[in-house]
Amino acid sequence: MKRLKALSRNYYIVLTAIFFFWMIFFDSNSLIGVYNVKSKIADLEDQKAYYEEKIVEVRETRDELLTDSEKLEKFAREKYLMKREKEDLYVIQTEE
């Protein structure tokens, strides 16, 4: 009974505790939600860096292929299995 009287006298402390509990666990901007959003942002930034590197690689490859016809022919033969006229192409697949 004394505790209830002490809490009723210090209702600001009780309300502050309830407010912090609510903000930590239940609010839309709770600490758990903020942590999840920050981890998602970090993952997306990693993906962004990966794709920026890939873009640079593809641009370099494209520039090489547009300037050198031998590399273009090699690329077409290896990647798309293209062939010259009167030439046979055999694709050998190995079982792994």
Protein backbone atom coordinates (compact mmCIF):
# COMPACT_ATOMS: atom_id res chain seq x y z
CA MET A 1 0.00 0.00 0.00
CA LYS A 2 2.86 2.33 0.77
CA ARG A 3 4.35 1.68 -2.68
CA LEU A 4 1.15 2.66 -4.41
CA LYS A 5 1.05 5.89 -2.42
CA ALA A 6 4.70 6.55 -3.26
CA LEU A 7 4.04 5.91 -6.95
CA SER A 8 0.95 8.05 -6.94
CA ARG A 9 2.94 10.91 -5.48
CA ASN A 10 5.66 10.48 -8.09
CA TYR A 11 3.43 10.04 -11.11
CA TYR A 12 5.85 12.01 -13.27
CA ILE A 13 8.43 9.28 -12.81
CA VAL A 14 5.87 6.59 -13.63
CA LEU A 15 4.67 8.44 -16.71
CA THR A 16 8.24 9.01 -17.86
CA ALA A 17 9.02 5.31 -17.44
CA ILE A 18 5.90 4.33 -19.37
CA PHE A 19 6.78 6.85 -22.09
CA PHE A 20 10.30 5.44 -22.51
CA PHE A 21 9.01 1.87 -22.49
CA TRP A 22 6.50 2.80 -25.19
CA MET A 23 9.14 4.59 -27.30
CA ILE A 24 11.60 1.72 -27.05
CA PHE A 25 9.25 -1.12 -28.00
CA PHE A 26 5.91 -0.01 -29.46
CA ASP A 27 6.27 3.29 -31.31
CA SER A 28 6.72 3.39 -35.07
CA ASN A 29 10.14 4.96 -34.47
CA SER A 30 11.17 2.46 -31.80
CA LEU A 31 14.77 1.50 -31.24
CA ILE A 32 14.14 -1.92 -32.75
CA GLY A 33 12.67 -0.35 -35.88
CA VAL A 34 15.53 2.13 -36.15
CA TYR A 35 18.04 -0.73 -35.88
CA ASN A 36 16.24 -2.69 -38.61
CA VAL A 37 16.16 0.34 -40.91
CA LYS A 38 19.85 1.08 -40.35
CA SER A 39 20.83 -2.51 -41.11
CA LYS A 40 18.71 -2.42 -44.30
CA ILE A 41 20.42 0.84 -45.32
CA ALA A 42 23.84 -0.73 -44.76
CA ASP A 43 22.87 -3.72 -46.92
CA LEU A 44 21.58 -1.45 -49.68
CA GLU A 45 24.77 0.64 -49.58
CA ASP A 46 26.82 -2.55 -49.98
CA GLN A 47 24.68 -3.53 -52.97
CA LYS A 48 25.09 -0.04 -54.42
CA ALA A 49 28.89 -0.27 -54.16
CA TYR A 50 28.84 -3.73 -55.79
CA TYR A 51 26.72 -2.55 -58.70
CA GLU A 52 28.81 0.58 -59.18
CA GLU A 53 31.89 -1.64 -59.51
CA LYS A 54 30.06 -3.85 -62.00
CA ILE A 55 29.04 -0.78 -64.03
CA VAL A 56 32.68 0.29 -64.27
CA GLU A 57 33.70 -3.21 -65.39
CA VAL A 58 30.96 -3.36 -68.03
CA ARG A 59 31.87 0.09 -69.37
CA GLU A 60 35.52 -0.95 -69.67
CA THR A 61 34.55 -4.14 -71.47
CA ARG A 62 32.20 -2.24 -73.78
CA ASP A 63 34.90 0.29 -74.64
CA GLU A 64 37.34 -2.52 -75.41
CA LEU A 65 34.81 -4.30 -77.62
CA LEU A 66 33.88 -1.16 -79.53
CA THR A 67 37.50 -0.27 -80.29
CA ASP A 68 39.03 -3.69 -81.02
CA SER A 69 37.37 -5.94 -83.61
CA GLU A 70 39.43 -8.99 -82.61
CA LYS A 71 38.21 -8.78 -79.03
CA LEU A 72 34.67 -8.28 -80.29
CA GLU A 73 34.91 -11.45 -82.39
CA LYS A 74 36.40 -13.40 -79.49
CA PHE A 75 33.65 -12.18 -77.17
CA ALA A 76 30.91 -13.10 -79.65
CA ARG A 77 32.36 -16.56 -80.22
CA GLU A 78 32.78 -17.35 -76.52
CA LYS A 79 29.68 -15.74 -75.09
CA TYR A 80 27.09 -16.21 -77.83
CA LEU A 81 28.60 -19.21 -79.68
CA MET A 82 28.71 -17.32 -82.98
CA LYS A 83 30.64 -18.73 -85.92
CA ARG A 84 31.95 -17.74 -89.31
CA GLU A 85 30.40 -18.88 -92.56
CA LYS A 86 31.31 -22.43 -93.60
CA GLU A 87 32.49 -23.20 -90.11
CA ASP A 88 31.12 -25.87 -87.80
CA LEU A 89 30.74 -25.29 -84.12
CA TYR A 90 30.75 -28.06 -81.56
CA VAL A 91 29.74 -27.41 -77.96
CA ILE A 92 31.14 -29.88 -75.48
CA GLN A 93 29.50 -30.00 -72.09
CA THR A 94 31.05 -31.88 -69.24
CA GLU A 95 29.05 -33.43 -66.45
CA GLU A 96 30.07 -32.30 -63.02
